[in-house]
Amino acid sequence: MIKKINKTRFIHTAVVCFLLAFSACKAPSLVEREVDLKDLPQNFTNTSSTDTTNTALIQWKEYFTDSYLTTLIDSALVNNQELNIMLQEIAISKAEIKAKKGEYLPFVGFGAAAETEKVGRYTSQGANDANTDIKEGVEFPEPLPNYQFGLHATWELDIWKKLRNAKKAAVFNYLSSVEGRNFMVTQLVGEIAESYYELLALDNQLAIVNRNIEIQSNAYRIVRLQKEAARATGLAVSKFEAEVLHTKSLQFDIQQRIIEAENRINFLVGRFPQHVQRSTDDLLMMKPKAIIAGIPAQLLENRTDVKQAELALEAAKLNVKVAKARFYPSLGISAGVGFEAFNPKYLLDTPESLLYSIAGELTAPLINRNEIKAAYASANAKQIQAVYDYERTVLNAYIEVANQLSKVDNLEKSYELKAQEVDALNRSVNISSQLFSSARADYMEVLMTQRDALESNFELVETKMAQMNAYVHMYQALGGGWN
């Protein structure tokens, strides 16, 4: 009767343990979210164009034809510190792949040990050692030393692909870091080009200031002669003198901005301050390359930040699977083989000194699974976050292209009108000077005309610089610059 009761209890206990283990293996259900790009427009404008020709596929050495600019970019791709830091991040990600790959392979190690132990004779171990039979001729020392060496191995069988998915996630993180490096290259190329065109614009503005100083100095000389001839007042002389001094002061402002622009380029190139060699061509005569935007779907392939977000999303999905697999039982195998003896000369005596072991272990989380649940919920939240980040990146890429297309078009129209304005004001400067020489125009008309012409020429140069930079940003927005 007692045996029957014990047998019944054993069966009940086994059933309870099985049910608990089964419930332990059940992962909680969480809300999931997939990428939704159904609303991605078919083109960037209101037209129905499906032309897949894309400026982003042009290499930056072909897109930027200025030899000085390409030399600066080449140097920056080698020496820029931030880019080199990113390369080390890639190396770290690559090492992480090897680490994750090693986790699902057997771990094999070699060990050796030596110890001495003295136990009391009237203890269970001491009495047992005293009664141990040793073959004839073998001394049994006291205290008892022990020497051993051998191989030991452990291996977790990846039955739920937890370790392999972790390795795949590390691969996606590595590829994402590579795309991050490519995105940084795109930004670096664009930043150098932008600073380079700013430098050319400042050179152009400095030349305009120098020309205006010459014009204003000539007008100042005329008004002094007129004052000596009693045809002008001292007020007119003072006004012309002040205008010349004001324009001369602009030289130093522009020279300071030139130094800062040069050093910004020097920093990007990774070198200490020095003169930046650049083209002497007139910025206003430069013609940017034509832009062909292609179709929005190409942003998914050409934009490195979009590809980086996509790879990060794939890694996040695998991390959810890794976290979910922790709810399931894990199967581990351990084994060892070696030699052990109380005297080194007996270490290799077999079978007496030979030892070996093999064991299998099946474990499943049963109690206090809060940490596993929290890790699973965290991984799922990060995966949903990665979905939103991917959709945000795609949306941002489309809007950047749309904005730059509009900007390129509007700046082109604005530049044409500004150029006409500059031509009109430059003619008015000559006319006002002639009228002033013949006393047919007031000195204030001459001063205001000269100032308007100077400001207009400055604005024309800045508009041209903005136009050139818009083409740089357009190239970047389409995903060019890293290949």
Protein backbone atom coordinates (compact mmCIF):
# COMPACT_ATOMS: atom_id res chain seq x y z
CA MET A 1 0.00 0.00 0.00
CA ILE A 2 2.86 2.33 0.89
CA LYS A 3 4.62 1.51 -2.37
CA LYS A 4 1.42 2.28 -4.29
CA ILE A 5 1.06 5.66 -2.53
CA ASN A 6 4.72 6.52 -3.24
CA LYS A 7 4.28 5.53 -6.87
CA THR A 8 1.17 7.71 -7.16
CA ARG A 9 2.97 10.67 -5.60
CA PHE A 10 5.87 10.21 -8.01
CA ILE A 11 3.51 10.23 -10.99
CA HIS A 12 1.71 13.34 -9.72
CA THR A 13 5.02 15.10 -9.10
CA ALA A 14 6.24 14.22 -12.59
CA VAL A 15 3.01 15.49 -14.16
CA VAL A 16 3.20 18.75 -12.20
CA CYS A 17 6.85 19.26 -13.20
CA PHE A 18 6.00 18.54 -16.84
CA LEU A 19 3.13 21.03 -16.80
CA LEU A 20 5.29 23.65 -15.13
CA ALA A 21 8.06 23.07 -17.66
CA PHE A 22 5.55 23.32 -20.51
CA SER A 23 4.17 26.59 -19.15
CA ALA A 24 7.73 27.84 -18.71
CA CYS A 25 8.40 27.27 -22.40
CA LYS A 26 5.42 29.38 -23.43
CA ALA A 27 6.47 32.91 -24.44
CA PRO A 28 4.08 35.81 -23.74
CA SER A 29 2.35 37.32 -26.75
CA LEU A 30 3.38 40.85 -27.70
CA VAL A 31 2.20 43.39 -30.28
CA GLU A 32 4.25 43.23 -33.48
CA ARG A 33 4.54 45.71 -36.32
CA GLU A 34 5.70 45.37 -39.92
CA VAL A 35 7.07 48.03 -42.27
CA ASP A 36 4.39 49.86 -44.24
CA LEU A 37 5.59 51.60 -47.41
CA LYS A 38 2.44 51.19 -49.49
CA ASP A 39 2.03 54.96 -49.74
CA LEU A 40 5.50 55.59 -51.18
CA PRO A 41 4.91 57.84 -54.24
CA GLN A 42 5.85 56.58 -57.69
CA ASN A 43 7.73 59.77 -58.60
CA PHE A 44 9.02 62.99 -57.04
CA THR A 45 6.82 65.39 -59.00
CA ASN A 46 3.24 65.49 -60.13
CA THR A 47 4.24 63.99 -63.47
CA SER A 48 3.97 60.30 -64.30
CA SER A 49 7.64 59.96 -65.26
CA THR A 50 9.15 56.51 -64.60
CA ASP A 51 12.67 57.25 -65.89
CA THR A 52 15.12 55.26 -63.72
CA THR A 53 18.21 57.18 -64.84
CA ASN A 54 19.70 58.46 -61.59
CA THR A 55 22.48 60.95 -60.83
CA ALA A 56 23.21 59.08 -57.58
CA LEU A 57 24.88 56.29 -59.59
CA ILE A 58 27.58 58.69 -60.81
CA GLN A 59 30.81 58.43 -58.81
CA TRP A 60 31.78 61.58 -56.95
CA LYS A 61 35.02 61.89 -58.97
CA GLU A 62 32.90 62.21 -62.10
CA TYR A 63 30.29 64.45 -60.50
CA PHE A 64 32.84 66.95 -59.13
CA THR A 65 35.17 67.91 -61.95
CA ASP A 66 37.25 70.54 -60.12
CA SER A 67 40.69 68.94 -59.63
CA TYR A 68 41.39 70.95 -56.45
CA LEU A 69 38.12 69.80 -54.91
CA THR A 70 38.65 66.12 -55.78
CA THR A 71 42.16 66.26 -54.29
CA LEU A 72 40.72 67.59 -51.02
CA ILE A 73 38.07 64.86 -50.94
CA ASP A 74 40.64 62.15 -51.64
CA SER A 75 42.78 63.39 -48.78
CA ALA A 76 39.81 63.58 -46.41
CA LEU A 77 38.78 59.98 -47.13
CA VAL A 78 42.20 58.89 -45.85
CA ASN A 79 42.90 61.33 -43.02
CA ASN A 80 39.55 62.41 -41.58
CA GLN A 81 39.59 61.39 -37.90
CA GLU A 82 35.85 60.88 -37.55
CA LEU A 83 35.80 58.57 -40.56
CA ASN A 84 38.71 56.59 -39.15
CA ILE A 85 36.88 56.27 -35.83
CA MET A 86 33.94 54.82 -37.75
CA LEU A 87 36.27 52.30 -39.41
CA GLN A 88 37.25 51.06 -35.95
CA GLU A 89 33.55 50.72 -35.10
CA ILE A 90 33.26 48.47 -38.15
CA ALA A 91 36.21 46.41 -36.92
CA ILE A 92 34.48 46.04 -33.54
CA SER A 93 31.28 44.86 -35.25
CA LYS A 94 33.27 42.37 -37.30
CA ALA A 95 34.91 40.96 -34.17
CA GLU A 96 31.44 40.62 -32.62
CA ILE A 97 30.48 38.25 -35.46
CA LYS A 98 33.40 35.96 -34.59
CA ALA A 99 32.43 36.06 -30.92
CA LYS A 100 28.82 35.12 -31.66
CA LYS A 101 29.90 32.39 -34.06
CA GLY A 102 32.11 30.87 -31.38
CA GLU A 103 29.21 30.65 -28.92
CA TYR A 104 27.42 27.86 -30.79
CA LEU A 105 30.59 25.81 -31.35
CA PRO A 106 31.95 23.42 -28.66
CA PHE A 107 34.24 24.93 -26.04
CA VAL A 108 37.30 22.74 -25.49
CA GLY A 109 39.92 23.51 -22.87
CA PHE A 110 42.99 21.97 -21.27
CA GLY A 111 43.52 22.04 -17.54
CA ALA A 112 46.11 20.88 -15.02
CA ALA A 113 46.02 21.05 -11.24
CA ALA A 114 47.95 20.01 -8.14
CA GLU A 115 46.82 20.02 -4.52
CA THR A 116 47.62 18.60 -1.07
CA GLU A 117 44.95 17.67 1.45
CA LYS A 118 45.25 16.43 5.07
CA VAL A 119 42.05 14.97 6.52
CA GLY A 120 41.46 13.57 9.98
CA ARG A 121 41.87 9.80 10.33
CA TYR A 122 38.65 9.61 12.35
CA THR A 123 36.60 11.24 9.61
CA SER A 124 34.64 9.34 7.00
CA GLN A 125 37.11 10.28 4.26
CA GLY A 126 40.13 9.51 6.48
CA ALA A 127 38.76 6.10 7.47
CA ASN A 128 37.95 5.36 3.83
CA ASP A 129 41.47 6.34 2.69
CA ALA A 130 43.02 4.15 5.41
CA ASN A 131 41.09 1.10 4.22
CA THR A 132 41.71 1.68 0.52
CA ASP A 133 43.58 -1.19 -1.10
CA ILE A 134 46.50 -0.10 -3.25
CA LYS A 135 48.41 -2.55 -5.37
CA GLU A 136 51.61 -3.89 -3.94
CA GLY A 137 54.65 -1.62 -4.19
CA VAL A 138 52.67 1.60 -4.37
CA GLU A 139 53.29 4.00 -1.53
CA PHE A 140 50.30 5.83 -0.06
CA PRO A 141 51.66 9.17 1.20
CA GLU A 142 50.20 11.26 3.99
CA PRO A 143 49.16 14.05 3.70
CA LEU A 144 47.66 13.04 0.39
CA PRO A 145 48.65 15.10 -2.69
CA ASN A 146 46.72 15.01 -5.93
CA TYR A 147 47.80 15.73 -9.53
CA GLN A 148 45.65 15.84 -12.61
CA PHE A 149 45.50 17.05 -16.18
CA GLY A 150 43.14 16.56 -19.07
CA LEU A 151 40.73 17.98 -21.60
CA HIS A 152 37.24 19.25 -20.88
CA ALA A 153 34.52 20.31 -23.32
CA THR A 154 31.09 21.92 -23.11
CA TRP A 155 28.58 22.40 -25.88
CA GLU A 156 25.14 23.93 -25.90
CA LEU A 157 23.09 22.39 -28.68
CA ASP A 158 21.44 25.25 -30.54
CA ILE A 159 18.11 23.47 -31.01
CA TRP A 160 16.08 26.71 -31.07
CA LYS A 161 18.59 28.65 -33.22
CA LYS A 162 19.13 31.10 -30.39
CA LEU A 163 22.89 31.27 -30.88
CA ARG A 164 22.76 31.19 -34.67
CA ASN A 165 20.21 34.02 -34.73
CA ALA A 166 22.44 36.01 -32.40
CA LYS A 167 25.29 35.49 -34.87
CA LYS A 168 23.09 36.57 -37.80
CA ALA A 169 22.04 39.67 -35.84
CA ALA A 170 25.72 40.48 -35.34
CA VAL A 171 26.24 40.14 -39.11
CA PHE A 172 23.39 42.60 -39.78
CA ASN A 173 24.82 44.99 -37.20
CA TYR A 174 28.18 44.76 -38.97
CA LEU A 175 26.62 45.45 -42.37
CA SER A 176 24.67 48.32 -40.80
CA SER A 177 27.92 49.83 -39.50
CA VAL A 178 29.40 49.53 -43.01
CA GLU A 179 26.42 51.45 -44.40
CA GLY A 180 26.90 53.96 -41.58
CA ARG A 181 30.45 54.46 -42.78
CA ASN A 182 29.19 54.96 -46.35
CA PHE A 183 26.65 57.51 -45.11
CA MET A 184 29.45 59.34 -43.32
CA VAL A 185 31.46 59.36 -46.58
CA THR A 186 28.48 60.92 -48.36
CA GLN A 187 28.20 63.59 -45.69
CA LEU A 188 31.95 64.23 -45.72
CA VAL A 189 32.10 64.61 -49.51
CA GLY A 190 29.16 67.02 -49.43
CA GLU A 191 30.53 69.04 -46.52
CA ILE A 192 33.90 69.54 -48.21
CA ALA A 193 32.25 70.53 -51.50
CA GLU A 194 29.97 72.97 -49.67
CA SER A 195 32.89 74.59 -47.81
CA TYR A 196 34.92 74.71 -51.04
CA TYR A 197 32.20 76.60 -52.92
CA GLU A 198 31.83 78.94 -49.95
CA LEU A 199 35.56 79.64 -50.20
CA LEU A 200 35.25 80.44 -53.91
CA ALA A 201 32.29 82.71 -53.14
CA LEU A 202 34.32 84.61 -50.52
CA ASP A 203 37.18 85.03 -53.00
CA ASN A 204 34.65 86.43 -55.44
CA GLN A 205 33.20 88.81 -52.87
CA LEU A 206 36.67 90.02 -51.92
CA ALA A 207 37.34 90.82 -55.59
CA ILE A 208 34.03 92.72 -55.76
CA VAL A 209 34.97 94.74 -52.68
CA ASN A 210 38.35 95.61 -54.18
CA ARG A 211 36.69 96.80 -57.39
CA ASN A 212 34.20 98.90 -55.44
CA ILE A 213 36.99 100.46 -53.37
CA GLU A 214 38.62 101.55 -56.63
CA ILE A 215 35.31 103.01 -57.94
CA GLN A 216 34.53 104.76 -54.66
CA SER A 217 38.07 106.09 -54.29
CA ASN A 218 37.80 107.61 -57.75
CA ALA A 219 34.47 109.24 -56.81
CA TYR A 220 36.03 110.49 -53.56
CA ARG A 221 38.89 112.06 -55.52
CA ILE A 222 36.40 113.79 -57.85
CA VAL A 223 34.31 115.21 -55.00
CA ARG A 224 37.42 116.64 -53.34
CA LEU A 225 38.35 118.39 -56.60
CA GLN A 226 34.81 119.70 -56.83
CA LYS A 227 35.03 121.05 -53.29
CA GLU A 228 38.26 122.87 -54.17
CA ALA A 229 36.38 124.37 -57.12
CA ALA A 230 33.52 125.30 -54.81
CA ARG A 231 31.18 122.94 -56.67
CA ALA A 232 30.68 120.58 -53.70
CA THR A 233 30.40 120.88 -49.95
CA GLY A 234 32.46 119.40 -47.12
CA LEU A 235 29.47 117.19 -46.27
CA ALA A 236 29.73 115.44 -49.63
CA VAL A 237 33.48 114.91 -49.12
CA SER A 238 32.89 113.40 -45.66
CA LYS A 239 30.14 111.13 -46.96
CA PHE A 240 32.32 109.78 -49.79
CA GLU A 241 35.26 109.33 -47.41
CA ALA A 242 33.08 107.40 -44.94
CA GLU A 243 31.78 105.17 -47.74
CA VAL A 244 35.34 104.32 -48.83
CA LEU A 245 36.34 103.48 -45.25
CA HIS A 246 33.21 101.34 -44.77
CA THR A 247 33.95 99.33 -47.91
CA LYS A 248 37.61 98.88 -46.92
CA SER A 249 36.48 97.48 -43.54
CA LEU A 250 34.53 94.80 -45.43
CA GLN A 251 37.84 93.45 -46.71
CA PHE A 252 38.88 92.32 -43.25
CA ASP A 253 35.51 90.74 -42.50
CA ILE A 254 35.75 88.69 -45.68
CA GLN A 255 39.39 87.77 -45.04
CA GLN A 256 38.43 86.44 -41.60
CA ARG A 257 35.64 84.37 -43.12
CA ILE A 258 38.12 83.03 -45.71
CA ILE A 259 40.47 81.88 -42.92
CA GLU A 260 37.60 80.17 -41.10
CA ALA A 261 36.40 78.46 -44.28
CA GLU A 262 39.94 77.26 -45.06
CA ASN A 263 40.37 75.88 -41.55
CA ARG A 264 36.99 74.17 -41.72
CA ILE A 265 38.26 72.33 -44.80
CA ASN A 266 41.62 71.66 -43.11
CA PHE A 267 39.80 70.06 -40.17
CA LEU A 268 37.76 67.82 -42.46
CA VAL A 269 40.90 66.83 -44.34
CA GLY A 270 42.63 66.05 -41.03
CA ARG A 271 45.51 68.53 -41.16
CA PHE A 272 46.64 71.64 -39.35
CA PRO A 273 45.77 75.11 -40.72
CA GLN A 274 47.31 75.91 -44.07
CA HIS A 275 46.41 77.60 -47.32
CA VAL A 276 43.79 75.69 -49.30
CA GLN A 277 44.59 75.53 -52.98
CA ARG A 278 41.54 76.27 -55.08
CA SER A 279 40.38 77.24 -58.54
CA THR A 280 40.84 80.81 -59.70
CA ASP A 281 37.88 80.54 -62.06
CA ASP A 282 35.00 82.92 -61.51
CA LEU A 283 32.33 81.20 -59.43
CA LEU A 284 29.63 83.00 -61.39
CA MET A 285 30.77 81.27 -64.59
CA MET A 286 30.51 77.74 -63.12
CA LYS A 287 27.75 75.51 -64.43
CA PRO A 288 26.54 72.68 -62.16
CA LYS A 289 25.84 69.25 -63.59
CA ALA A 290 22.29 68.41 -64.56
CA ILE A 291 20.37 66.43 -61.95
CA ILE A 292 18.28 63.37 -62.85
CA ALA A 293 16.30 62.24 -59.82
CA GLY A 294 15.04 58.84 -61.02
CA ILE A 295 12.15 57.33 -59.04
CA PRO A 296 11.56 57.24 -55.24
CA ALA A 297 11.93 53.45 -55.03
CA GLN A 298 15.62 53.87 -55.92
CA LEU A 299 16.18 55.66 -52.61
CA LEU A 300 15.85 52.28 -50.89
CA GLU A 301 18.95 51.10 -52.78
CA ASN A 302 20.98 54.28 -53.17
CA ARG A 303 20.55 55.99 -49.78
CA THR A 304 23.03 54.48 -47.33
CA ASP A 305 21.09 55.75 -44.30
CA VAL A 306 17.99 53.91 -45.57
CA LYS A 307 20.00 50.70 -46.04
CA GLN A 308 21.54 51.18 -42.60
CA ALA A 309 18.08 51.48 -41.02
CA GLU A 310 16.89 48.43 -42.96
CA LEU A 311 19.80 46.30 -41.73
CA ALA A 312 19.31 47.53 -38.17
CA LEU A 313 15.67 46.44 -38.48
CA GLU A 314 16.69 42.95 -39.60
CA ALA A 315 19.07 42.70 -36.63
CA ALA A 316 16.27 43.81 -34.27
CA LYS A 317 13.94 41.11 -35.65
CA LEU A 318 16.56 38.43 -34.97
CA ASN A 319 17.16 39.79 -31.48
CA VAL A 320 13.44 39.22 -30.77
CA LYS A 321 13.84 35.58 -31.81
CA VAL A 322 16.93 35.26 -29.60
CA ALA A 323 15.04 36.69 -26.62
CA LYS A 324 12.05 34.42 -27.32
CA ALA A 325 14.25 31.32 -27.47
CA ARG A 326 15.27 31.89 -23.86
CA PHE A 327 11.81 30.67 -22.80
CA TYR A 328 12.55 27.23 -24.29
CA PRO A 329 14.63 24.46 -22.70
CA SER A 330 18.34 24.48 -23.40
CA LEU A 331 20.29 21.29 -23.94
CA GLY A 332 23.93 21.20 -22.94
CA ILE A 333 26.56 18.47 -23.14
CA SER A 334 29.75 18.38 -21.10
CA ALA A 335 32.56 15.87 -21.26
CA GLY A 336 36.06 15.43 -19.95
CA VAL A 337 38.98 13.02 -20.16
CA GLY A 338 42.31 13.05 -18.35
CA PHE A 339 44.60 11.48 -15.78
CA GLU A 340 44.65 11.86 -11.98
CA ALA A 341 46.95 10.36 -9.33
CA PHE A 342 48.48 11.16 -5.95
CA ASN A 343 51.97 10.69 -7.38
CA PRO A 344 53.16 12.13 -10.71
CA LYS A 345 54.85 8.85 -11.68
CA TYR A 346 51.45 7.12 -11.63
CA LEU A 347 49.70 9.73 -13.75
CA LEU A 348 49.91 7.76 -16.98
CA ASP A 349 49.13 4.36 -15.44
CA THR A 350 45.96 3.11 -17.05
CA PRO A 351 43.26 2.28 -16.33
CA GLU A 352 43.92 3.16 -12.64
CA SER A 353 44.70 6.88 -13.27
CA LEU A 354 42.39 7.38 -16.23
CA LEU A 355 39.25 9.45 -15.66
CA TYR A 356 36.49 10.51 -17.99
CA SER A 357 33.00 11.94 -17.79
CA ILE A 358 30.10 12.80 -20.01
CA ALA A 359 26.85 14.46 -19.03
CA GLY A 360 23.81 15.97 -20.64
CA GLU A 361 21.75 18.74 -19.12
CA LEU A 362 18.28 19.91 -20.05
CA THR A 363 17.16 23.10 -18.32
CA ALA A 364 14.15 25.35 -18.72
CA PRO A 365 13.16 28.54 -16.89
CA LEU A 366 10.53 27.70 -14.29
CA ILE A 367 10.39 30.29 -11.52
CA ASN A 368 11.16 34.03 -11.55
CA ARG A 369 11.03 34.52 -15.31
CA ASN A 370 10.60 38.28 -15.00
CA GLU A 371 14.09 38.99 -16.33
CA ILE A 372 13.46 36.86 -19.44
CA LYS A 373 10.04 38.45 -19.97
CA ALA A 374 11.53 41.93 -19.58
CA ALA A 375 14.33 41.15 -22.05
CA TYR A 376 11.78 39.77 -24.55
CA ALA A 377 9.55 42.83 -24.18
CA SER A 378 12.56 45.11 -24.56
CA ALA A 379 13.72 43.31 -27.73
CA ASN A 380 10.21 43.52 -29.19
CA ALA A 381 9.96 47.24 -28.37
CA LYS A 382 13.34 47.84 -30.03
CA GLN A 383 12.13 45.96 -33.11
CA ILE A 384 9.02 48.18 -33.32
CA GLN A 385 11.28 51.19 -32.76
CA ALA A 386 13.48 50.02 -35.66
CA VAL A 387 10.38 49.77 -37.89
CA TYR A 388 9.44 53.36 -37.12
CA ASP A 389 13.05 54.47 -37.61
CA TYR A 390 13.17 52.78 -41.04
CA GLU A 391 9.88 54.38 -42.12
CA ARG A 392 11.05 57.76 -40.79
CA THR A 393 14.34 57.45 -42.68
CA VAL A 394 12.55 56.64 -45.95
CA LEU A 395 10.13 59.54 -45.43
CA ASN A 396 12.98 61.91 -44.63
CA ALA A 397 14.88 60.77 -47.75
CA TYR A 398 11.87 61.43 -49.98
CA ILE A 399 11.22 64.87 -48.45
CA GLU A 400 14.90 65.84 -48.79
CA VAL A 401 14.83 65.01 -52.50
CA ALA A 402 11.53 66.84 -53.02
CA ASN A 403 12.86 69.91 -51.19
CA GLN A 404 16.13 69.95 -53.10
CA LEU A 405 14.41 69.53 -56.48
CA SER A 406 12.28 72.55 -55.68
CA LYS A 407 15.28 74.47 -54.37
CA VAL A 408 17.36 73.80 -57.48
CA ASP A 409 14.53 75.04 -59.71
CA ASN A 410 13.80 78.16 -57.64
CA LEU A 411 17.46 79.12 -57.23
CA GLU A 412 17.98 78.87 -60.97
CA LYS A 413 15.13 81.31 -61.59
CA SER A 414 16.27 83.57 -58.75
CA TYR A 415 19.82 83.67 -60.10
CA GLU A 416 18.65 84.76 -63.55
CA LEU A 417 16.71 87.68 -62.07
CA LYS A 418 19.53 88.65 -59.73
CA ALA A 419 21.98 88.67 -62.64
CA GLN A 420 19.71 91.09 -64.52
CA GLU A 421 19.46 93.25 -61.38
CA VAL A 422 23.26 93.37 -61.06
CA ASP A 423 23.65 94.38 -64.71
CA ALA A 424 21.15 97.21 -64.24
CA LEU A 425 22.81 98.49 -61.06
CA ASN A 426 26.31 98.28 -62.52
CA ARG A 427 25.12 100.44 -65.44
CA SER A 428 23.53 102.85 -62.98
CA VAL A 429 26.86 103.26 -61.16
CA ASN A 430 28.55 104.41 -64.36
CA ILE A 431 25.65 106.70 -65.23
CA SER A 432 25.50 108.26 -61.75
CA SER A 433 29.25 108.88 -61.79
CA GLN A 434 29.03 110.65 -65.15
CA LEU A 435 26.04 112.73 -64.01
CA PHE A 436 27.80 113.63 -60.76
CA SER A 437 30.92 114.75 -62.68
CA SER A 438 28.77 117.12 -64.73
CA ALA A 439 26.88 118.30 -61.60
CA ARG A 440 23.63 116.80 -62.88
CA ALA A 441 23.25 114.29 -59.99
CA ASP A 442 23.34 114.70 -56.23
CA TYR A 443 26.20 113.03 -54.31
CA MET A 444 23.65 111.00 -52.26
CA GLU A 445 22.32 109.45 -55.46
CA VAL A 446 25.85 108.36 -56.32
CA LEU A 447 26.48 106.93 -52.85
CA MET A 448 23.17 105.02 -52.71
CA THR A 449 23.67 103.67 -56.22
CA GLN A 450 27.16 102.41 -55.38
CA ARG A 451 25.96 100.81 -52.14
CA ASP A 452 23.00 99.14 -53.89
CA ALA A 453 25.32 97.81 -56.58
CA LEU A 454 27.74 96.41 -53.98
CA GLU A 455 24.96 94.66 -52.05
CA SER A 456 23.45 93.33 -55.24
CA ASN A 457 26.78 91.87 -56.39
CA PHE A 458 27.21 90.23 -52.98
CA GLU A 459 23.72 88.74 -53.18
CA LEU A 460 24.39 87.44 -56.68
CA VAL A 461 27.52 85.62 -55.47
CA GLU A 462 25.64 84.19 -52.47
CA THR A 463 22.82 83.03 -54.73
CA LYS A 464 25.34 81.31 -57.00
CA MET A 465 26.97 79.67 -53.98
CA ALA A 466 23.53 78.49 -52.78
CA GLN A 467 22.84 77.16 -56.27
CA MET A 468 26.09 75.16 -56.36
CA ASN A 469 25.44 73.84 -52.84
CA ALA A 470 21.88 72.89 -53.81
CA TYR A 471 23.32 70.60 -56.49
CA VAL A 472 25.67 69.12 -53.88
CA HIS A 473 22.75 68.53 -51.51
CA MET A 474 20.68 67.11 -54.35
CA TYR A 475 23.46 64.63 -55.10
CA GLN A 476 23.57 63.66 -51.42
CA ALA A 477 19.78 63.41 -51.10
CA LEU A 478 19.61 60.96 -54.00
CA GLY A 479 22.23 58.78 -52.29
CA GLY A 480 25.34 59.70 -54.26
CA GLY A 481 28.81 60.43 -52.96
CA TRP A 482 29.77 57.19 -51.18
CA ASN A 483 30.56 54.94 -54.15
